[in-house]
Amino acid sequence: MSAAAIELPLFPLDVVLFPGTALPLHIFETRYRQMIVDCVDKEIPIGIVLARPGSEYLQEVPYTVGTMAEIRNLDQLPDGRYTLVAVGMSRFRIVSQHREKPYLSGWVEPFEDTVEPLSTLYSEMEQASMLFSEYLNMLLEAANENDLQMTLPDEPESLSYSVAYFLDIHNSIKQHLLEMDSTSERLHEEIALLRREVPFMRQILSRDLPEERSMLN
């Protein structure tokens, strides 16, 4: 265990959170209410992790890479439940975990992308940004929310996290993107995903969805 390791409350969910993105949460279980109280009292973040498929209730098994999240807009309801927004800060890798408290906790270490020259990233960033903008505009059009605007990150790593978070893809693919340690490779895979999804979204909006795919919905 490195000197940079810290102990962190772990919150296994059926969602993958990325740095720079936000996740609204409704906390109703007693164990997680206590987790929120402890985080606020100690002024520490929570560790959002994806629960592995087949995990049993109260014995959730998380993937080893997750995202530290700052607690914002915390509000306690009259019956003791909480609502909040978890804002992704940075990634971590679980070194060890325990259940000494009502909720899962673990010792975690920072998990970061390798340093790559920005000059090698801008071409992929430009492609990803263009495709992702088109993808978001079509999502907003499908939801009749054309007046909404979203400003995309202007830094390659941050953009790669936003694309991964908002793409409508399986959690296993999102987790794979979260666990990658190369911004360039992450953007490269996202470009391939967007090149597949953008034409599909066009077909949806034009009401020309192939029969075999429409049966999936």
C-alpha atoms as a PDB file:
ATOM      1  CA  MET A   1       0.000   0.000   0.000  1.00  0.00           C
ATOM      2  CA  SER A   2       1.434   3.348  -1.018  1.00  0.00           C
ATOM      3  CA  ALA A   3       1.762   6.405   1.196  1.00  0.00           C
ATOM      4  CA  ALA A   4      -0.957   8.041  -0.920  1.00  0.00           C
ATOM      5  CA  ALA A   5      -3.591   5.484   0.139  1.00  0.00           C
ATOM      6  CA  ILE A   6      -6.583   6.735   2.118  1.00  0.00           C
ATOM      7  CA  GLU A   7      -9.605   5.053   3.703  1.00  0.00           C
ATOM      8  CA  LEU A   8     -12.840   5.822   1.908  1.00  0.00           C
ATOM      9  CA  PRO A   9     -16.527   4.858   2.322  1.00  0.00           C
ATOM     10  CA  LEU A  10     -17.553   2.850  -0.756  1.00  0.00           C
ATOM     11  CA  PHE A  11     -20.997   3.139  -2.327  1.00  0.00           C
ATOM     12  CA  PRO A  12     -21.686   0.264  -4.790  1.00  0.00           C
ATOM     13  CA  LEU A  13     -24.270   1.296  -7.380  1.00  0.00           C
ATOM     14  CA  ASP A  14     -25.574   0.201 -10.756  1.00  0.00           C
ATOM     15  CA  VAL A  15     -23.939   3.214 -12.381  1.00  0.00           C
ATOM     16  CA  VAL A  16     -20.447   4.326 -13.406  1.00  0.00           C
ATOM     17  CA  LEU A  17     -19.489   7.835 -12.331  1.00  0.00           C
ATOM     18  CA  PHE A  18     -16.628   9.715 -14.009  1.00  0.00           C
ATOM     19  CA  PRO A  19     -14.573  12.699 -12.828  1.00  0.00           C
ATOM     20  CA  GLY A  20     -16.217  15.988 -13.719  1.00  0.00           C
ATOM     21  CA  THR A  21     -19.715  14.516 -13.996  1.00  0.00           C
ATOM     22  CA  ALA A  22     -22.644  14.730 -11.573  1.00  0.00           C
ATOM     23  CA  LEU A  23     -24.994  12.071 -10.215  1.00  0.00           C
ATOM     24  CA  PRO A  24     -28.206  12.907  -8.290  1.00  0.00           C
ATOM     25  CA  LEU A  25     -28.736  10.429  -5.438  1.00  0.00           C
ATOM     26  CA  HIS A  26     -31.604   9.559  -3.112  1.00  0.00           C
ATOM     27  CA  ILE A  27     -30.261   7.957   0.079  1.00  0.00           C
ATOM     28  CA  PHE A  28     -32.853   5.887   1.951  1.00  0.00           C
ATOM     29  CA  GLU A  29     -31.077   2.807   3.382  1.00  0.00           C
ATOM     30  CA  THR A  30     -29.987   3.134   7.004  1.00  0.00           C
ATOM     31  CA  ARG A  31     -26.396   2.055   6.261  1.00  0.00           C
ATOM     32  CA  TYR A  32     -25.971   4.698   3.597  1.00  0.00           C
ATOM     33  CA  ARG A  33     -27.604   7.405   5.688  1.00  0.00           C
ATOM     34  CA  GLN A  34     -24.868   6.675   8.241  1.00  0.00           C
ATOM     35  CA  MET A  35     -22.287   6.820   5.463  1.00  0.00           C
ATOM     36  CA  ILE A  36     -23.446  10.314   4.487  1.00  0.00           C
ATOM     37  CA  VAL A  37     -23.367  11.465   8.126  1.00  0.00           C
ATOM     38  CA  ASP A  38     -19.819  10.122   8.516  1.00  0.00           C
ATOM     39  CA  CYS A  39     -18.638  11.756   5.274  1.00  0.00           C
ATOM     40  CA  VAL A  40     -20.061  15.124   6.278  1.00  0.00           C
ATOM     41  CA  ASP A  41     -18.670  14.931   9.810  1.00  0.00           C
ATOM     42  CA  LYS A  42     -15.187  13.958   8.587  1.00  0.00           C
ATOM     43  CA  GLU A  43     -15.350  16.195   5.496  1.00  0.00           C
ATOM     44  CA  ILE A  44     -14.377  13.354   3.177  1.00  0.00           C
ATOM     45  CA  PRO A  45     -15.738  12.271  -0.220  1.00  0.00           C
ATOM     46  CA  ILE A  46     -17.600   9.076  -0.979  1.00  0.00           C
ATOM     47  CA  GLY A  47     -16.277   6.424  -3.326  1.00  0.00           C
ATOM     48  CA  ILE A  48     -18.757   5.622  -6.089  1.00  0.00           C
ATOM     49  CA  VAL A  49     -18.138   2.136  -7.480  1.00  0.00           C
ATOM     50  CA  LEU A  50     -19.994  -0.113  -9.892  1.00  0.00           C
ATOM     51  CA  ALA A  51     -21.349  -3.255  -8.231  1.00  0.00           C
ATOM     52  CA  ARG A  52     -20.412  -6.450 -10.035  1.00  0.00           C
ATOM     53  CA  PRO A  53     -23.263  -8.381 -11.685  1.00  0.00           C
ATOM     54  CA  GLY A  54     -24.750 -10.967  -9.378  1.00  0.00           C
ATOM     55  CA  SER A  55     -23.762  -9.133  -6.204  1.00  0.00           C
ATOM     56  CA  GLU A  56     -25.980 -10.019  -3.263  1.00  0.00           C
ATOM     57  CA  TYR A  57     -27.802  -7.414  -1.206  1.00  0.00           C
ATOM     58  CA  LEU A  58     -25.701  -6.307   1.784  1.00  0.00           C
ATOM     59  CA  GLN A  59     -22.726  -8.164   0.304  1.00  0.00           C
ATOM     60  CA  GLU A  60     -22.151  -6.095  -2.830  1.00  0.00           C
ATOM     61  CA  VAL A  61     -18.857  -6.744  -4.610  1.00  0.00           C
ATOM     62  CA  PRO A  62     -17.462  -3.654  -6.346  1.00  0.00           C
ATOM     63  CA  TYR A  63     -15.176  -3.315  -9.337  1.00  0.00           C
ATOM     64  CA  THR A  64     -11.761  -2.195  -8.157  1.00  0.00           C
ATOM     65  CA  VAL A  65     -11.679   1.179  -9.966  1.00  0.00           C
ATOM     66  CA  GLY A  66     -14.121   3.882  -8.933  1.00  0.00           C
ATOM     67  CA  THR A  67     -14.498   7.651  -8.601  1.00  0.00           C
ATOM     68  CA  MET A  68     -14.234   9.862  -5.532  1.00  0.00           C
ATOM     69  CA  ALA A  69     -17.253  12.146  -5.338  1.00  0.00           C
ATOM     70  CA  GLU A  70     -17.868  15.379  -3.473  1.00  0.00           C
ATOM     71  CA  ILE A  71     -21.230  15.671  -1.726  1.00  0.00           C
ATOM     72  CA  ARG A  72     -23.148  18.732  -2.886  1.00  0.00           C
ATOM     73  CA  ASN A  73     -26.697  20.076  -2.466  1.00  0.00           C
ATOM     74  CA  LEU A  74     -27.257  17.832   0.537  1.00  0.00           C
ATOM     75  CA  ASP A  75     -30.811  17.939   1.873  1.00  0.00           C
ATOM     76  CA  GLN A  76     -32.292  15.836   4.677  1.00  0.00           C
ATOM     77  CA  LEU A  77     -35.963  14.993   4.304  1.00  0.00           C
ATOM     78  CA  PRO A  78     -38.351  14.867   7.293  1.00  0.00           C
ATOM     79  CA  ASP A  79     -38.245  11.059   7.443  1.00  0.00           C
ATOM     80  CA  GLY A  80     -34.434  10.982   7.571  1.00  0.00           C
ATOM     81  CA  ARG A  81     -33.748  10.258   3.917  1.00  0.00           C
ATOM     82  CA  TYR A  82     -31.216  12.378   2.017  1.00  0.00           C
ATOM     83  CA  THR A  83     -31.038  13.823  -1.449  1.00  0.00           C
ATOM     84  CA  LEU A  84     -27.727  15.021  -2.828  1.00  0.00           C
ATOM     85  CA  VAL A  85     -25.608  15.409  -5.917  1.00  0.00           C
ATOM     86  CA  ALA A  86     -22.381  13.386  -6.099  1.00  0.00           C
ATOM     87  CA  VAL A  87     -19.834  15.251  -8.226  1.00  0.00           C
ATOM     88  CA  GLY A  88     -16.981  13.150  -9.556  1.00  0.00           C
ATOM     89  CA  MET A  89     -13.519  14.367  -8.527  1.00  0.00           C
ATOM     90  CA  SER A  90     -10.855  11.772  -9.359  1.00  0.00           C
ATOM     91  CA  ARG A  91     -10.441   8.036  -9.886  1.00  0.00           C
ATOM     92  CA  PHE A  92      -9.095   5.519  -7.409  1.00  0.00           C
ATOM     93  CA  ARG A  93      -8.190   1.838  -7.250  1.00  0.00           C
ATOM     94  CA  ILE A  94      -9.258  -0.260  -4.260  1.00  0.00           C
ATOM     95  CA  VAL A  95      -6.282  -1.814  -2.463  1.00  0.00           C
ATOM     96  CA  SER A  96      -8.271  -3.535   0.293  1.00  0.00           C
ATOM     97  CA  GLN A  97     -11.799  -3.400   1.676  1.00  0.00           C
ATOM     98  CA  HIS A  98     -13.650  -4.228   4.870  1.00  0.00           C
ATOM     99  CA  ARG A  99     -17.089  -4.170   6.484  1.00  0.00           C
ATOM    100  CA  GLU A 100     -16.182  -2.943   9.944  1.00  0.00           C
ATOM    101  CA  LYS A 101     -18.883  -0.289   9.604  1.00  0.00           C
ATOM    102  CA  PRO A 102     -22.517  -0.708   8.500  1.00  0.00           C
ATOM    103  CA  TYR A 103     -21.389   0.105   4.945  1.00  0.00           C
ATOM    104  CA  LEU A 104     -18.481  -1.065   2.796  1.00  0.00           C
ATOM    105  CA  SER A 105     -15.182   0.792   3.218  1.00  0.00           C
ATOM    106  CA  GLY A 106     -11.818   0.433   1.551  1.00  0.00           C
ATOM    107  CA  TRP A 107      -8.262   1.645   1.372  1.00  0.00           C
ATOM    108  CA  VAL A 108      -7.789   3.229  -2.035  1.00  0.00           C
ATOM    109  CA  GLU A 109      -4.949   4.683  -4.093  1.00  0.00           C
ATOM    110  CA  PRO A 110      -5.103   7.354  -6.820  1.00  0.00           C
ATOM    111  CA  PHE A 111      -5.589   5.980 -10.328  1.00  0.00           C
ATOM    112  CA  GLU A 112      -4.561   8.352 -13.112  1.00  0.00           C
ATOM    113  CA  ASP A 113      -3.968   8.378 -16.844  1.00  0.00           C
ATOM    114  CA  THR A 114      -0.396   8.189 -18.068  1.00  0.00           C
ATOM    115  CA  VAL A 115       1.007  11.515 -19.210  1.00  0.00           C
ATOM    116  CA  GLU A 116       0.690  11.958 -22.975  1.00  0.00           C
ATOM    117  CA  PRO A 117       1.776  14.951 -25.097  1.00  0.00           C
ATOM    118  CA  LEU A 118      -1.211  17.220 -25.720  1.00  0.00           C
ATOM    119  CA  SER A 119      -0.163  17.525 -29.346  1.00  0.00           C
ATOM    120  CA  THR A 120      -0.969  13.832 -29.849  1.00  0.00           C
ATOM    121  CA  LEU A 121      -4.426  14.174 -28.289  1.00  0.00           C
ATOM    122  CA  TYR A 122      -5.973  17.161 -30.048  1.00  0.00           C
ATOM    123  CA  SER A 123      -6.822  15.355 -33.294  1.00  0.00           C
ATOM    124  CA  GLU A 124      -8.765  12.659 -31.420  1.00  0.00           C
ATOM    125  CA  MET A 125     -10.280  15.269 -29.131  1.00  0.00           C
ATOM    126  CA  GLU A 126     -11.529  17.250 -32.143  1.00  0.00           C
ATOM    127  CA  GLN A 127     -13.114  14.150 -33.700  1.00  0.00           C
ATOM    128  CA  ALA A 128     -14.700  13.057 -30.429  1.00  0.00           C
ATOM    129  CA  SER A 129     -16.009  16.555 -29.689  1.00  0.00           C
ATOM    130  CA  MET A 130     -17.603  16.893 -33.131  1.00  0.00           C
ATOM    131  CA  LEU A 131     -19.290  13.483 -32.988  1.00  0.00           C
ATOM    132  CA  PHE A 132     -20.362  13.899 -29.365  1.00  0.00           C
ATOM    133  CA  SER A 133     -21.887  17.320 -30.036  1.00  0.00           C
ATOM    134  CA  GLU A 134     -23.957  15.798 -32.833  1.00  0.00           C
ATOM    135  CA  TYR A 135     -24.940  12.903 -30.572  1.00  0.00           C
ATOM    136  CA  LEU A 136     -26.040  15.235 -27.742  1.00  0.00           C
ATOM    137  CA  ASN A 137     -27.997  17.484 -30.098  1.00  0.00           C
ATOM    138  CA  MET A 138     -29.926  14.480 -31.384  1.00  0.00           C
ATOM    139  CA  LEU A 139     -30.628  13.289 -27.835  1.00  0.00           C
ATOM    140  CA  LEU A 140     -31.989  16.728 -26.963  1.00  0.00           C
ATOM    141  CA  GLU A 141     -34.053  16.769 -30.145  1.00  0.00           C
ATOM    142  CA  ALA A 142     -35.510  13.361 -29.309  1.00  0.00           C
ATOM    143  CA  ALA A 143     -36.431  14.669 -25.849  1.00  0.00           C
ATOM    144  CA  ASN A 144     -37.862  17.929 -27.259  1.00  0.00           C
ATOM    145  CA  GLU A 145     -35.247  19.884 -25.306  1.00  0.00           C
ATOM    146  CA  ASN A 146     -33.719  21.814 -28.182  1.00  0.00           C
ATOM    147  CA  ASP A 147     -33.319  24.951 -26.054  1.00  0.00           C
ATOM    148  CA  LEU A 148     -30.861  23.275 -23.679  1.00  0.00           C
ATOM    149  CA  GLN A 149     -27.169  23.861 -24.247  1.00  0.00           C
ATOM    150  CA  MET A 150     -24.222  21.857 -22.933  1.00  0.00           C
ATOM    151  CA  THR A 151     -20.687  23.188 -22.918  1.00  0.00           C
ATOM    152  CA  LEU A 152     -18.182  20.449 -23.640  1.00  0.00           C
ATOM    153  CA  PRO A 153     -14.862  20.274 -21.773  1.00  0.00           C
ATOM    154  CA  ASP A 154     -11.946  21.774 -23.695  1.00  0.00           C
ATOM    155  CA  GLU A 155      -9.345  19.399 -22.211  1.00  0.00           C
ATOM    156  CA  PRO A 156      -8.869  15.895 -23.683  1.00  0.00           C
ATOM    157  CA  GLU A 157      -9.087  13.827 -20.490  1.00  0.00           C
ATOM    158  CA  SER A 158     -12.127  15.707 -19.195  1.00  0.00           C
ATOM    159  CA  LEU A 159     -13.857  15.366 -22.564  1.00  0.00           C
ATOM    160  CA  SER A 160     -13.197  11.624 -22.578  1.00  0.00           C
ATOM    161  CA  TYR A 161     -14.921  11.324 -19.186  1.00  0.00           C
ATOM    162  CA  SER A 162     -17.963  13.317 -20.314  1.00  0.00           C
ATOM    163  CA  VAL A 163     -18.368  11.249 -23.468  1.00  0.00           C
ATOM    164  CA  ALA A 164     -18.109   8.005 -21.492  1.00  0.00           C
ATOM    165  CA  TYR A 165     -20.651   9.157 -18.896  1.00  0.00           C
ATOM    166  CA  PHE A 166     -23.330  10.386 -21.293  1.00  0.00           C
ATOM    167  CA  LEU A 167     -23.081   7.686 -23.956  1.00  0.00           C
ATOM    168  CA  ASP A 168     -26.020   5.283 -23.798  1.00  0.00           C
ATOM    169  CA  ILE A 169     -23.910   2.138 -23.504  1.00  0.00           C
ATOM    170  CA  HIS A 170     -23.776  -0.838 -21.140  1.00  0.00           C
ATOM    171  CA  ASN A 171     -22.204  -0.298 -17.734  1.00  0.00           C
ATOM    172  CA  SER A 172     -19.567  -2.922 -18.492  1.00  0.00           C
ATOM    173  CA  ILE A 173     -18.310  -0.765 -21.366  1.00  0.00           C
ATOM    174  CA  LYS A 174     -18.395   2.371 -19.198  1.00  0.00           C
ATOM    175  CA  GLN A 175     -16.391   0.546 -16.529  1.00  0.00           C
ATOM    176  CA  HIS A 176     -13.874  -0.524 -19.161  1.00  0.00           C
ATOM    177  CA  LEU A 177     -13.466   3.127 -20.191  1.00  0.00           C
ATOM    178  CA  LEU A 178     -13.107   4.171 -16.546  1.00  0.00           C
ATOM    179  CA  GLU A 179     -10.342   1.629 -16.009  1.00  0.00           C
ATOM    180  CA  MET A 180      -8.295   2.712 -19.029  1.00  0.00           C
ATOM    181  CA  ASP A 181      -5.116   4.629 -18.177  1.00  0.00           C
ATOM    182  CA  SER A 182      -4.654   6.318 -21.554  1.00  0.00           C
ATOM    183  CA  THR A 183      -6.678   9.364 -22.612  1.00  0.00           C
ATOM    184  CA  SER A 184      -5.732   8.725 -26.230  1.00  0.00           C
ATOM    185  CA  GLU A 185      -6.972   5.137 -26.173  1.00  0.00           C
ATOM    186  CA  ARG A 186     -10.159   6.139 -24.348  1.00  0.00           C
ATOM    187  CA  LEU A 187     -10.941   8.803 -26.944  1.00  0.00           C
ATOM    188  CA  HIS A 188     -10.120   6.360 -29.734  1.00  0.00           C
ATOM    189  CA  GLU A 189     -12.630   3.814 -28.414  1.00  0.00           C
ATOM    190  CA  GLU A 190     -15.257   6.515 -27.858  1.00  0.00           C
ATOM    191  CA  ILE A 191     -14.885   7.744 -31.416  1.00  0.00           C
ATOM    192  CA  ALA A 192     -15.575   4.203 -32.622  1.00  0.00           C
ATOM    193  CA  LEU A 193     -18.658   4.013 -30.368  1.00  0.00           C
ATOM    194  CA  LEU A 194     -19.940   7.397 -31.545  1.00  0.00           C
ATOM    195  CA  ARG A 195     -19.452   6.464 -35.204  1.00  0.00           C
ATOM    196  CA  ARG A 196     -21.790   3.554 -34.520  1.00  0.00           C
ATOM    197  CA  GLU A 197     -24.312   5.421 -32.358  1.00  0.00           C
ATOM    198  CA  VAL A 198     -24.666   8.671 -34.324  1.00  0.00           C
ATOM    199  CA  PRO A 199     -26.069   6.992 -37.477  1.00  0.00           C
ATOM    200  CA  PHE A 200     -28.364   4.934 -35.261  1.00  0.00           C
ATOM    201  CA  MET A 201     -29.681   8.102 -33.608  1.00  0.00           C
ATOM    202  CA  ARG A 202     -30.264   9.626 -37.046  1.00  0.00           C
ATOM    203  CA  GLN A 203     -32.369   6.591 -37.955  1.00  0.00           C
ATOM    204  CA  ILE A 204     -34.408   6.967 -34.768  1.00  0.00           C
ATOM    205  CA  LEU A 205     -35.115  10.610 -35.462  1.00  0.00           C
ATOM    206  CA  SER A 206     -36.025   9.880 -39.061  1.00  0.00           C
ATOM    207  CA  ARG A 207     -38.317   7.059 -37.884  1.00  0.00           C
ATOM    208  CA  ASP A 208     -36.347   4.626 -40.010  1.00  0.00           C
ATOM    209  CA  LEU A 209     -35.200   2.263 -37.240  1.00  0.00           C
ATOM    210  CA  PRO A 210     -34.197  -1.211 -38.498  1.00  0.00           C
ATOM    211  CA  GLU A 211     -36.682  -3.844 -37.357  1.00  0.00           C
ATOM    212  CA  GLU A 212     -34.100  -6.029 -35.640  1.00  0.00           C
ATOM    213  CA  ARG A 213     -32.899  -3.112 -33.438  1.00  0.00           C
ATOM    214  CA  SER A 214     -36.346  -1.700 -32.707  1.00  0.00           C
ATOM    215  CA  MET A 215     -37.251  -5.059 -31.168  1.00  0.00           C
ATOM    216  CA  LEU A 216     -34.618  -4.434 -28.469  1.00  0.00           C
ATOM    217  CA  ASN A 217     -36.582  -1.536 -27.002  1.00  0.00           C
END
